[in-house]
Structure formats: C-alpha cells, structure tokens
Amino acid sequence: EIGGFQTGYCSYPRIRAILSRPGRKENGLQKTVWKEIERKLTATKTLSTTSSMHDIYDNLEDAVSRYLEDFRSLNHDTIGFVGTAGRQILGCDIFSDPKTYQKFEQKLIRSYALDAIEYQKSSRGKIDVDNFLEDVMQSLERKKKKSGRFSIKDDRFLGQGLAHKNHIIHLSAFPK
C-alpha cells in the first residue's frame, strides 16, 4: 500500500480498452471511464459509495481468486496470454520476456477475471483467438517501433504498447 492507495490492482480490460482509444485525452475520457465503472458496479451488483473499482475487486474477491488458482501451474517461459470468456475475446497482454511477465501476471489475471466473471455465462463456442493474434501481429509489423509508447489498431481491435530501441517491452490489445 502506498499512501493509502492499494497497488495490487490494475484496470480491467474494458477500462484499458477505453484508455487505448485514439484521442483518449480529449472528448471526456474521465467521464467515459467513470461511466464504465458505474456499468461494472451495476453488472456485478457491487455497492460503492465512491464508485470505486477497488470495491468491485473486494466484492468479487472469492471468484477472482478462483481464476488465479488455474494459473499457478503455467509454464515458467510464459510471456503473456489472451483472455477469453464465453464466446468473447477480452484482450491480450504480451511481454518481452518471462521475468517481466511474471511481475505483472497476478494483477493482470485479476483484472481479466473481472471481465470474465461478467461474460462467463454467455454461450460457449469456438473463439477465433488465432485470427485475433494474427491481426494484432500484422498491425504490429506495420508499425515503426521507436522508443516510447505506441498504439495499434485495425477494424477488429485497438491496442497500445511500450518499446525501447525497436524492441517491444509490453503490448496489450483489445477487441473493438
């Protein structure tokens, strides 16, 4: 905990997708984020006097913890994952190496779990993860990656990343 603010959380994929949109600094970004948090509070039947994302995590702690249990046996060479629930791709997070991924894994899985809980009851079926990743990689190949933040997008997804000397450190992408 830093200055009363808990650091064990990160924004769930739907919020991160909002933050990945082009022009995110204009057009009422903060209002859009608060509207999404209010939607999530309602969808998860969470009461919060401050409209806090942390209250959602606290309310769903048991369900979120069950998602974490399934990831404890992952291969130690893992560098990322694609989150899915029901018939929906929630997004993906990919890192440059396993050590960096492991630092963020628990927080990211917890964040994806918040969206997965909401969509888990939707009908099951084949999800086209391969095409999603292929589209992300093709968009990435077209992008000149200098040092710093960058964004990628096409008709199916949007995303953002961080590069250093033409080497991608982290990439996240979310369906539109």
N, C-alpha and C. Protein backbone atom coordinates (compact mmCIF):
# COMPACT_ATOMS: atom_id res chain seq x y z
N GLU A 1 0.85 -1.17 0.00
CA GLU A 1 0.00 0.00 0.00
C GLU A 1 0.89 1.23 0.00
N ILE A 2 0.59 2.17 -0.88
CA ILE A 2 1.37 3.39 -0.99
C ILE A 2 0.46 4.57 -0.68
N GLY A 3 0.77 5.31 0.36
CA GLY A 3 -0.02 6.49 0.69
C GLY A 3 -1.52 6.22 0.78
N GLY A 4 -1.92 5.06 1.26
CA GLY A 4 -3.33 4.74 1.37
C GLY A 4 -3.93 4.18 0.10
N PHE A 5 -3.16 4.09 -0.97
CA PHE A 5 -3.67 3.56 -2.23
C PHE A 5 -3.12 2.16 -2.44
N GLN A 6 -4.00 1.19 -2.64
CA GLN A 6 -3.57 -0.18 -2.83
C GLN A 6 -3.01 -0.36 -4.23
N THR A 7 -1.87 -1.05 -4.33
CA THR A 7 -1.22 -1.24 -5.63
C THR A 7 -1.43 -2.64 -6.19
N GLY A 8 -2.28 -3.45 -5.58
CA GLY A 8 -2.49 -4.82 -6.01
C GLY A 8 -3.47 -4.97 -7.16
N TYR A 9 -3.92 -3.89 -7.74
CA TYR A 9 -4.92 -3.92 -8.78
C TYR A 9 -4.42 -3.22 -10.05
N CYS A 10 -4.98 -3.62 -11.16
CA CYS A 10 -4.83 -2.82 -12.37
C CYS A 10 -6.20 -2.75 -13.03
N SER A 11 -6.39 -1.80 -13.89
CA SER A 11 -7.69 -1.64 -14.54
C SER A 11 -8.05 -2.87 -15.33
N TYR A 12 -9.31 -3.23 -15.32
CA TYR A 12 -9.76 -4.40 -16.06
C TYR A 12 -9.79 -4.07 -17.57
N PRO A 13 -9.82 -5.09 -18.42
CA PRO A 13 -9.66 -4.88 -19.86
C PRO A 13 -10.59 -3.85 -20.49
N ARG A 14 -11.84 -3.78 -20.09
CA ARG A 14 -12.74 -2.80 -20.72
C ARG A 14 -12.28 -1.38 -20.45
N ILE A 15 -11.75 -1.11 -19.28
CA ILE A 15 -11.23 0.24 -18.99
C ILE A 15 -9.95 0.47 -19.78
N ARG A 16 -9.09 -0.54 -19.84
CA ARG A 16 -7.84 -0.39 -20.59
C ARG A 16 -8.12 -0.19 -22.08
N ALA A 17 -9.18 -0.81 -22.59
CA ALA A 17 -9.57 -0.59 -23.98
C ALA A 17 -10.00 0.86 -24.20
N ILE A 18 -10.74 1.41 -23.26
CA ILE A 18 -11.14 2.83 -23.35
C ILE A 18 -9.90 3.71 -23.38
N LEU A 19 -8.92 3.40 -22.55
CA LEU A 19 -7.70 4.20 -22.48
C LEU A 19 -6.82 4.03 -23.72
N SER A 20 -7.05 2.96 -24.49
CA SER A 20 -6.28 2.71 -25.71
C SER A 20 -6.84 3.42 -26.93
N ARG A 21 -8.03 3.95 -26.82
CA ARG A 21 -8.67 4.59 -27.97
C ARG A 21 -7.89 5.82 -28.41
N PRO A 22 -7.81 6.03 -29.73
CA PRO A 22 -7.17 7.25 -30.23
C PRO A 22 -7.92 8.48 -29.71
N GLY A 23 -7.19 9.55 -29.48
CA GLY A 23 -7.80 10.77 -28.98
C GLY A 23 -8.29 10.65 -27.56
N ARG A 24 -7.69 9.74 -26.79
CA ARG A 24 -8.18 9.46 -25.44
C ARG A 24 -8.03 10.65 -24.49
N LYS A 25 -7.22 11.63 -24.84
CA LYS A 25 -7.03 12.78 -23.95
C LYS A 25 -8.15 13.81 -24.12
N GLU A 26 -8.83 13.74 -25.23
CA GLU A 26 -9.95 14.65 -25.45
C GLU A 26 -11.26 13.91 -25.25
N ASN A 27 -12.34 14.62 -25.51
CA ASN A 27 -13.68 14.02 -25.57
C ASN A 27 -14.12 13.35 -24.28
N GLY A 28 -13.80 13.91 -23.15
CA GLY A 28 -14.34 13.42 -21.88
C GLY A 28 -13.88 12.05 -21.47
N LEU A 29 -12.59 11.79 -21.56
CA LEU A 29 -12.06 10.48 -21.18
C LEU A 29 -12.48 10.10 -19.76
N GLN A 30 -12.31 11.00 -18.82
CA GLN A 30 -12.63 10.69 -17.43
C GLN A 30 -14.10 10.32 -17.27
N LYS A 31 -14.98 11.04 -17.97
CA LYS A 31 -16.41 10.75 -17.91
C LYS A 31 -16.70 9.35 -18.47
N THR A 32 -16.03 8.98 -19.54
CA THR A 32 -16.21 7.65 -20.13
C THR A 32 -15.74 6.56 -19.19
N VAL A 33 -14.62 6.78 -18.53
CA VAL A 33 -14.10 5.80 -17.57
C VAL A 33 -15.07 5.64 -16.41
N TRP A 34 -15.56 6.74 -15.84
CA TRP A 34 -16.49 6.65 -14.72
C TRP A 34 -17.80 5.98 -15.13
N LYS A 35 -18.24 6.25 -16.35
CA LYS A 35 -19.45 5.60 -16.85
C LYS A 35 -19.26 4.08 -16.93
N GLU A 36 -18.08 3.65 -17.38
CA GLU A 36 -17.79 2.22 -17.44
C GLU A 36 -17.72 1.61 -16.05
N ILE A 37 -17.12 2.29 -15.11
CA ILE A 37 -17.06 1.77 -13.74
C ILE A 37 -18.47 1.65 -13.16
N GLU A 38 -19.31 2.63 -13.41
CA GLU A 38 -20.71 2.55 -12.95
C GLU A 38 -21.42 1.36 -13.59
N ARG A 39 -21.17 1.11 -14.87
CA ARG A 39 -21.76 -0.03 -15.57
C ARG A 39 -21.31 -1.33 -14.91
N LYS A 40 -19.99 -1.42 -14.60
CA LYS A 40 -19.44 -2.63 -13.99
C LYS A 40 -19.99 -2.82 -12.56
N LEU A 41 -20.13 -1.74 -11.82
CA LEU A 41 -20.72 -1.84 -10.48
C LEU A 41 -22.13 -2.43 -10.56
N THR A 42 -22.91 -1.96 -11.53
CA THR A 42 -24.27 -2.47 -11.71
C THR A 42 -24.25 -3.93 -12.16
N ALA A 43 -23.41 -4.25 -13.14
CA ALA A 43 -23.35 -5.62 -13.68
C ALA A 43 -22.91 -6.63 -12.63
N THR A 44 -22.06 -6.21 -11.71
CA THR A 44 -21.56 -7.13 -10.69
C THR A 44 -22.30 -7.01 -9.36
N LYS A 45 -23.35 -6.18 -9.36
CA LYS A 45 -24.17 -5.97 -8.16
C LYS A 45 -23.30 -5.56 -6.97
N THR A 46 -22.40 -4.62 -7.23
CA THR A 46 -21.49 -4.11 -6.20
C THR A 46 -21.98 -2.76 -5.71
N LEU A 47 -22.09 -2.61 -4.41
CA LEU A 47 -22.44 -1.32 -3.82
C LEU A 47 -21.16 -0.57 -3.50
N SER A 48 -21.11 0.70 -3.90
CA SER A 48 -19.94 1.52 -3.64
C SER A 48 -20.36 2.97 -3.49
N THR A 49 -20.05 3.56 -2.34
CA THR A 49 -20.41 4.97 -2.14
C THR A 49 -19.51 5.90 -2.93
N THR A 50 -18.34 5.40 -3.34
CA THR A 50 -17.38 6.24 -4.07
C THR A 50 -17.18 5.81 -5.52
N SER A 51 -18.00 4.88 -6.01
CA SER A 51 -17.85 4.34 -7.37
C SER A 51 -16.42 3.84 -7.60
N SER A 52 -15.95 3.07 -6.67
CA SER A 52 -14.57 2.61 -6.68
C SER A 52 -14.41 1.26 -7.38
N MET A 53 -13.43 1.18 -8.26
CA MET A 53 -13.10 -0.09 -8.90
C MET A 53 -12.62 -1.08 -7.83
N HIS A 54 -11.97 -0.61 -6.81
CA HIS A 54 -11.48 -1.47 -5.73
C HIS A 54 -12.64 -2.18 -5.03
N ASP A 55 -13.78 -1.50 -4.93
CA ASP A 55 -14.95 -2.14 -4.31
C ASP A 55 -15.43 -3.32 -5.15
N ILE A 56 -15.28 -3.24 -6.47
CA ILE A 56 -15.65 -4.36 -7.34
C ILE A 56 -14.72 -5.53 -7.05
N TYR A 57 -13.41 -5.26 -7.00
CA TYR A 57 -12.46 -6.32 -6.66
C TYR A 57 -12.79 -6.94 -5.31
N ASP A 58 -13.06 -6.10 -4.32
CA ASP A 58 -13.37 -6.61 -2.97
C ASP A 58 -14.63 -7.47 -2.99
N ASN A 59 -15.66 -7.03 -3.69
CA ASN A 59 -16.93 -7.76 -3.76
C ASN A 59 -16.77 -9.13 -4.42
N LEU A 60 -15.90 -9.21 -5.41
CA LEU A 60 -15.72 -10.44 -6.19
C LEU A 60 -14.44 -11.20 -5.83
N GLU A 61 -13.88 -10.91 -4.68
CA GLU A 61 -12.58 -11.49 -4.30
C GLU A 61 -12.55 -13.01 -4.40
N ASP A 62 -13.58 -13.69 -3.91
CA ASP A 62 -13.58 -15.17 -3.96
C ASP A 62 -13.58 -15.67 -5.39
N ALA A 63 -14.41 -15.10 -6.24
CA ALA A 63 -14.49 -15.53 -7.64
C ALA A 63 -13.18 -15.22 -8.38
N VAL A 64 -12.60 -14.06 -8.13
CA VAL A 64 -11.34 -13.68 -8.76
C VAL A 64 -10.23 -14.63 -8.32
N SER A 65 -10.20 -14.98 -7.04
CA SER A 65 -9.17 -15.90 -6.52
C SER A 65 -9.22 -17.25 -7.21
N ARG A 66 -10.40 -17.71 -7.58
CA ARG A 66 -10.51 -19.00 -8.29
C ARG A 66 -9.82 -18.95 -9.65
N TYR A 67 -9.84 -17.81 -10.31
CA TYR A 67 -9.13 -17.66 -11.59
C TYR A 67 -7.63 -17.76 -11.39
N LEU A 68 -7.14 -17.18 -10.30
CA LEU A 68 -5.71 -17.21 -10.02
C LEU A 68 -5.20 -18.62 -9.80
N GLU A 69 -6.01 -19.47 -9.18
CA GLU A 69 -5.61 -20.85 -8.89
C GLU A 69 -5.23 -21.60 -10.17
N ASP A 70 -5.95 -21.36 -11.25
CA ASP A 70 -5.70 -22.07 -12.51
C ASP A 70 -4.40 -21.64 -13.18
N PHE A 71 -3.85 -20.51 -12.79
CA PHE A 71 -2.64 -20.02 -13.45
C PHE A 71 -1.36 -20.40 -12.70
N ARG A 72 -1.46 -20.99 -11.56
CA ARG A 72 -0.27 -21.31 -10.78
C ARG A 72 0.60 -22.37 -11.43
N SER A 73 0.03 -23.17 -12.33
CA SER A 73 0.81 -24.24 -12.94
C SER A 73 1.29 -23.88 -14.34
N LEU A 74 1.20 -22.62 -14.72
CA LEU A 74 1.65 -22.22 -16.06
C LEU A 74 3.14 -22.44 -16.24
N ASN A 75 3.52 -22.63 -17.46
CA ASN A 75 4.92 -22.77 -17.85
C ASN A 75 5.69 -21.50 -17.45
N HIS A 76 6.86 -21.66 -16.90
CA HIS A 76 7.65 -20.50 -16.47
C HIS A 76 8.23 -19.71 -17.62
N ASP A 77 8.09 -20.20 -18.85
CA ASP A 77 8.55 -19.46 -20.03
C ASP A 77 7.43 -18.62 -20.64
N THR A 78 6.28 -18.55 -20.00
CA THR A 78 5.15 -17.79 -20.50
C THR A 78 5.50 -16.31 -20.58
N ILE A 79 5.07 -15.66 -21.67
CA ILE A 79 5.31 -14.22 -21.82
C ILE A 79 4.01 -13.43 -21.96
N GLY A 80 2.87 -14.11 -21.88
CA GLY A 80 1.60 -13.40 -21.99
C GLY A 80 0.44 -14.35 -22.16
N PHE A 81 -0.73 -13.78 -22.41
CA PHE A 81 -1.92 -14.60 -22.61
C PHE A 81 -3.00 -13.81 -23.33
N VAL A 82 -3.96 -14.55 -23.87
CA VAL A 82 -5.18 -13.97 -24.43
C VAL A 82 -6.30 -14.36 -23.48
N GLY A 83 -7.00 -13.37 -22.96
CA GLY A 83 -8.11 -13.64 -22.06
C GLY A 83 -9.40 -13.81 -22.84
N THR A 84 -10.15 -14.86 -22.52
CA THR A 84 -11.44 -15.10 -23.16
C THR A 84 -12.45 -15.49 -22.09
N ALA A 85 -13.72 -15.30 -22.42
CA ALA A 85 -14.81 -15.73 -21.54
C ALA A 85 -16.05 -15.92 -22.40
N GLY A 86 -16.75 -17.02 -22.17
CA GLY A 86 -17.90 -17.31 -23.02
C GLY A 86 -17.43 -17.39 -24.46
N ARG A 87 -18.00 -16.58 -25.32
CA ARG A 87 -17.57 -16.54 -26.74
C ARG A 87 -16.86 -15.23 -27.06
N GLN A 88 -16.28 -14.61 -26.08
CA GLN A 88 -15.70 -13.28 -26.27
C GLN A 88 -14.21 -13.27 -25.95
N ILE A 89 -13.45 -12.60 -26.82
CA ILE A 89 -12.05 -12.29 -26.51
C ILE A 89 -12.07 -11.03 -25.67
N LEU A 90 -11.44 -11.09 -24.52
CA LEU A 90 -11.39 -9.94 -23.62
C LEU A 90 -10.21 -9.03 -23.95
N GLY A 91 -9.12 -9.62 -24.44
CA GLY A 91 -7.92 -8.87 -24.77
C GLY A 91 -6.71 -9.74 -24.62
N CYS A 92 -5.54 -9.13 -24.83
CA CYS A 92 -4.29 -9.87 -24.63
C CYS A 92 -3.23 -8.94 -24.07
N ASP A 93 -2.31 -9.54 -23.36
CA ASP A 93 -1.14 -8.84 -22.84
C ASP A 93 0.07 -9.71 -23.11
N ILE A 94 1.06 -9.13 -23.77
CA ILE A 94 2.27 -9.86 -24.14
C ILE A 94 3.48 -9.02 -23.73
N PHE A 95 4.46 -9.69 -23.14
CA PHE A 95 5.66 -9.02 -22.65
C PHE A 95 6.89 -9.52 -23.38
N SER A 96 7.99 -8.82 -23.21
CA SER A 96 9.22 -9.16 -23.92
C SER A 96 9.90 -10.42 -23.39
N ASP A 97 9.67 -10.75 -22.13
CA ASP A 97 10.34 -11.92 -21.56
C ASP A 97 9.54 -12.45 -20.37
N PRO A 98 9.79 -13.70 -20.00
CA PRO A 98 9.03 -14.31 -18.89
C PRO A 98 9.18 -13.60 -17.55
N LYS A 99 10.35 -13.07 -17.29
CA LYS A 99 10.58 -12.41 -16.00
C LYS A 99 9.69 -11.16 -15.86
N THR A 100 9.59 -10.39 -16.91
CA THR A 100 8.73 -9.21 -16.89
C THR A 100 7.27 -9.62 -16.77
N TYR A 101 6.88 -10.63 -17.56
CA TYR A 101 5.50 -11.12 -17.49
C TYR A 101 5.14 -11.56 -16.07
N GLN A 102 6.01 -12.30 -15.43
CA GLN A 102 5.72 -12.83 -14.09
C GLN A 102 5.48 -11.72 -13.07
N LYS A 103 6.12 -10.56 -13.27
CA LYS A 103 5.92 -9.44 -12.35
C LYS A 103 4.49 -8.91 -12.42
N PHE A 104 3.87 -9.02 -13.58
CA PHE A 104 2.53 -8.46 -13.79
C PHE A 104 1.42 -9.51 -13.83
N GLU A 105 1.78 -10.78 -13.89
CA GLU A 105 0.80 -11.84 -14.12
C GLU A 105 -0.39 -11.79 -13.16
N GLN A 106 -0.15 -11.76 -11.86
CA GLN A 106 -1.24 -11.82 -10.88
C GLN A 106 -2.20 -10.64 -11.03
N LYS A 107 -1.67 -9.43 -11.18
CA LYS A 107 -2.53 -8.25 -11.34
C LYS A 107 -3.34 -8.34 -12.62
N LEU A 108 -2.71 -8.77 -13.71
CA LEU A 108 -3.42 -8.87 -14.98
C LEU A 108 -4.50 -9.94 -14.94
N ILE A 109 -4.21 -11.09 -14.38
CA ILE A 109 -5.21 -12.15 -14.30
C ILE A 109 -6.40 -11.68 -13.47
N ARG A 110 -6.11 -11.00 -12.38
CA ARG A 110 -7.20 -10.46 -11.55
C ARG A 110 -8.06 -9.50 -12.37
N SER A 111 -7.42 -8.65 -13.18
CA SER A 111 -8.19 -7.69 -13.97
C SER A 111 -9.02 -8.38 -15.04
N TYR A 112 -8.45 -9.38 -15.70
CA TYR A 112 -9.21 -10.12 -16.71
C TYR A 112 -10.34 -10.91 -16.06
N ALA A 113 -10.13 -11.37 -14.84
CA ALA A 113 -11.17 -12.11 -14.14
C ALA A 113 -12.42 -11.26 -13.94
N LEU A 114 -12.25 -9.96 -13.68
CA LEU A 114 -13.41 -9.09 -13.51
C LEU A 114 -14.30 -9.10 -14.75
N ASP A 115 -13.69 -9.06 -15.94
CA ASP A 115 -14.49 -9.13 -17.16
C ASP A 115 -14.97 -10.55 -17.42
N ALA A 116 -14.14 -11.54 -17.15
CA ALA A 116 -14.52 -12.94 -17.39
C ALA A 116 -15.75 -13.33 -16.56
N ILE A 117 -15.81 -12.88 -15.34
CA ILE A 117 -16.95 -13.18 -14.47
C ILE A 117 -18.23 -12.67 -15.11
N GLU A 118 -18.15 -11.52 -15.71
CA GLU A 118 -19.33 -10.92 -16.34
C GLU A 118 -19.76 -11.69 -17.59
N TYR A 119 -18.82 -12.23 -18.36
CA TYR A 119 -19.14 -12.87 -19.64
C TYR A 119 -19.15 -14.38 -19.59
N GLN A 120 -18.83 -14.99 -18.47
CA GLN A 120 -18.68 -16.45 -18.40
C GLN A 120 -19.96 -17.21 -18.73
N LYS A 121 -21.10 -16.60 -18.53
CA LYS A 121 -22.36 -17.31 -18.78
C LYS A 121 -22.84 -17.18 -20.22
N SER A 122 -22.15 -16.39 -21.04
CA SER A 122 -22.57 -16.30 -22.44
C SER A 122 -22.28 -17.64 -23.11
N SER A 123 -22.98 -17.90 -24.18
CA SER A 123 -22.90 -19.23 -24.82
C SER A 123 -21.47 -19.56 -25.21
N ARG A 124 -21.16 -20.81 -25.06
CA ARG A 124 -19.81 -21.28 -25.38
C ARG A 124 -19.72 -21.61 -26.86
N GLY A 125 -18.51 -21.65 -27.36
CA GLY A 125 -18.27 -21.98 -28.75
C GLY A 125 -16.84 -21.64 -29.10
N LYS A 126 -16.51 -21.83 -30.34
CA LYS A 126 -15.14 -21.55 -30.79
C LYS A 126 -14.91 -20.04 -30.85
N ILE A 127 -13.81 -19.63 -30.27
CA ILE A 127 -13.39 -18.23 -30.30
C ILE A 127 -12.19 -18.16 -31.23
N ASP A 128 -12.17 -17.20 -32.12
CA ASP A 128 -11.12 -17.11 -33.13
C ASP A 128 -9.89 -16.36 -32.60
N VAL A 129 -9.23 -16.96 -31.61
CA VAL A 129 -8.05 -16.36 -30.99
C VAL A 129 -6.90 -16.25 -32.00
N ASP A 130 -6.73 -17.28 -32.84
CA ASP A 130 -5.63 -17.27 -33.82
C ASP A 130 -5.72 -16.07 -34.75
N ASN A 131 -6.91 -15.80 -35.29
CA ASN A 131 -7.05 -14.65 -36.19
C ASN A 131 -6.87 -13.33 -35.46
N PHE A 132 -7.36 -13.26 -34.23
CA PHE A 132 -7.17 -12.05 -33.42
C PHE A 132 -5.69 -11.76 -33.26
N LEU A 133 -4.93 -12.77 -32.82
CA LEU A 133 -3.48 -12.59 -32.63
C LEU A 133 -2.77 -12.29 -33.95
N GLU A 134 -3.17 -12.96 -35.01
CA GLU A 134 -2.56 -12.71 -36.32
C GLU A 134 -2.79 -11.27 -36.76
N ASP A 135 -4.00 -10.76 -36.57
CA ASP A 135 -4.29 -9.36 -36.91
C ASP A 135 -3.45 -8.40 -36.07
N VAL A 136 -3.33 -8.69 -34.78
CA VAL A 136 -2.51 -7.85 -33.90
C VAL A 136 -1.06 -7.86 -34.37
N MET A 137 -0.52 -9.03 -34.68
CA MET A 137 0.88 -9.14 -35.10
C MET A 137 1.11 -8.44 -36.45
N GLN A 138 0.17 -8.55 -37.38
CA GLN A 138 0.32 -7.87 -38.67
C GLN A 138 0.31 -6.36 -38.48
N SER A 139 -0.55 -5.86 -37.64
CA SER A 139 -0.59 -4.43 -37.36
C SER A 139 0.71 -3.98 -36.70
N LEU A 140 1.23 -4.80 -35.84
CA LEU A 140 2.48 -4.51 -35.15
C LEU A 140 3.65 -4.46 -36.13
N GLU A 141 3.67 -5.37 -37.09
CA GLU A 141 4.74 -5.39 -38.09
C GLU A 141 4.75 -4.12 -38.94
N ARG A 142 3.57 -3.54 -39.18
CA ARG A 142 3.47 -2.32 -39.98
C ARG A 142 3.88 -1.08 -39.19
N LYS A 143 3.90 -1.21 -37.89
CA LYS A 143 4.18 -0.07 -37.01
C LYS A 143 5.67 0.11 -36.83
N LYS A 144 6.14 1.34 -36.95
CA LYS A 144 7.54 1.63 -36.63
C LYS A 144 7.63 1.82 -35.13
N LYS A 145 8.42 0.97 -34.50
CA LYS A 145 8.51 0.97 -33.05
C LYS A 145 9.81 1.62 -32.60
N LYS A 146 9.72 2.87 -32.30
CA LYS A 146 10.87 3.55 -31.73
C LYS A 146 10.82 3.32 -30.22
N SER A 147 11.49 4.14 -29.47
CA SER A 147 11.37 4.05 -28.02
C SER A 147 10.17 4.85 -27.56
N GLY A 148 9.47 4.33 -26.58
CA GLY A 148 8.31 5.03 -26.03
C GLY A 148 7.02 4.29 -26.28
N ARG A 149 5.92 4.99 -25.99
CA ARG A 149 4.59 4.40 -26.16
C ARG A 149 4.18 4.43 -27.62
N PHE A 150 3.39 3.45 -28.02
CA PHE A 150 2.83 3.43 -29.37
C PHE A 150 1.44 2.83 -29.32
N SER A 151 0.65 3.06 -30.36
CA SER A 151 -0.68 2.47 -30.44
C SER A 151 -0.82 1.71 -31.75
N ILE A 152 -1.69 0.71 -31.75
CA ILE A 152 -2.00 -0.06 -32.94
C ILE A 152 -3.52 -0.20 -33.02
N LYS A 153 -4.04 -0.36 -34.24
CA LYS A 153 -5.46 -0.58 -34.39
C LYS A 153 -5.77 -1.08 -35.79
N ASP A 154 -6.91 -1.72 -35.91
CA ASP A 154 -7.50 -2.04 -37.21
C ASP A 154 -9.00 -2.15 -36.99
N ASP A 155 -9.71 -2.76 -37.90
CA ASP A 155 -11.16 -2.84 -37.80
C ASP A 155 -11.63 -3.68 -36.62
N ARG A 156 -10.83 -4.63 -36.18
CA ARG A 156 -11.25 -5.57 -35.14
C ARG A 156 -10.73 -5.26 -33.74
N PHE A 157 -9.67 -4.49 -33.60
CA PHE A 157 -9.05 -4.31 -32.29
C PHE A 157 -8.35 -2.96 -32.20
N LEU A 158 -7.96 -2.62 -30.99
CA LEU A 158 -7.08 -1.48 -30.74
C LEU A 158 -6.15 -1.87 -29.61
N GLY A 159 -5.02 -1.23 -29.54
CA GLY A 159 -4.07 -1.59 -28.51
C GLY A 159 -3.00 -0.55 -28.33
N GLN A 160 -2.14 -0.83 -27.39
CA GLN A 160 -1.03 0.07 -27.11
C GLN A 160 0.14 -0.73 -26.58
N GLY A 161 1.30 -0.13 -26.64
CA GLY A 161 2.47 -0.82 -26.17
C GLY A 161 3.58 0.12 -25.76
N LEU A 162 4.65 -0.47 -25.33
CA LEU A 162 5.84 0.27 -24.93
C LEU A 162 7.03 -0.40 -25.60
N ALA A 163 7.85 0.40 -26.26
CA ALA A 163 9.03 -0.13 -26.94
C ALA A 163 10.27 0.63 -26.46
N HIS A 164 11.39 -0.04 -26.58
CA HIS A 164 12.68 0.59 -26.28
C HIS A 164 13.67 0.13 -27.35
N LYS A 165 14.21 1.08 -28.10
CA LYS A 165 15.17 0.79 -29.17
C LYS A 165 14.65 -0.30 -30.11
N ASN A 166 13.43 -0.10 -30.62
CA ASN A 166 12.78 -1.01 -31.56
C ASN A 166 12.48 -2.39 -30.98
N HIS A 167 12.53 -2.53 -29.68
CA HIS A 167 12.22 -3.80 -29.01
C HIS A 167 10.95 -3.60 -28.17
N ILE A 168 9.94 -4.42 -28.39
CA ILE A 168 8.69 -4.27 -27.66
C ILE A 168 8.86 -4.84 -26.25
N ILE A 169 8.53 -4.01 -25.27
CA ILE A 169 8.60 -4.41 -23.87
C ILE A 169 7.25 -4.99 -23.43
N HIS A 170 6.16 -4.33 -23.85
CA HIS A 170 4.81 -4.77 -23.48
C HIS A 170 3.84 -4.34 -24.57
N LEU A 171 2.88 -5.22 -24.84
CA LEU A 171 1.82 -4.94 -25.81
C LEU A 171 0.50 -5.42 -25.22
N SER A 172 -0.52 -4.57 -25.30
CA SER A 172 -1.87 -5.01 -24.92
C SER A 172 -2.80 -4.65 -26.07
N ALA A 173 -3.76 -5.53 -26.35
CA ALA A 173 -4.72 -5.29 -27.43
C ALA A 173 -6.09 -5.79 -26.99
N PHE A 174 -7.13 -5.10 -27.46
CA PHE A 174 -8.50 -5.38 -27.05
C PHE A 174 -9.42 -5.31 -28.26
N PRO A 175 -10.39 -6.21 -28.34
CA PRO A 175 -11.35 -6.14 -29.45
C PRO A 175 -12.17 -4.85 -29.35
N LYS A 176 -12.60 -4.38 -30.51
CA LYS A 176 -13.46 -3.16 -30.52
C LYS A 176 -14.87 -3.53 -30.17
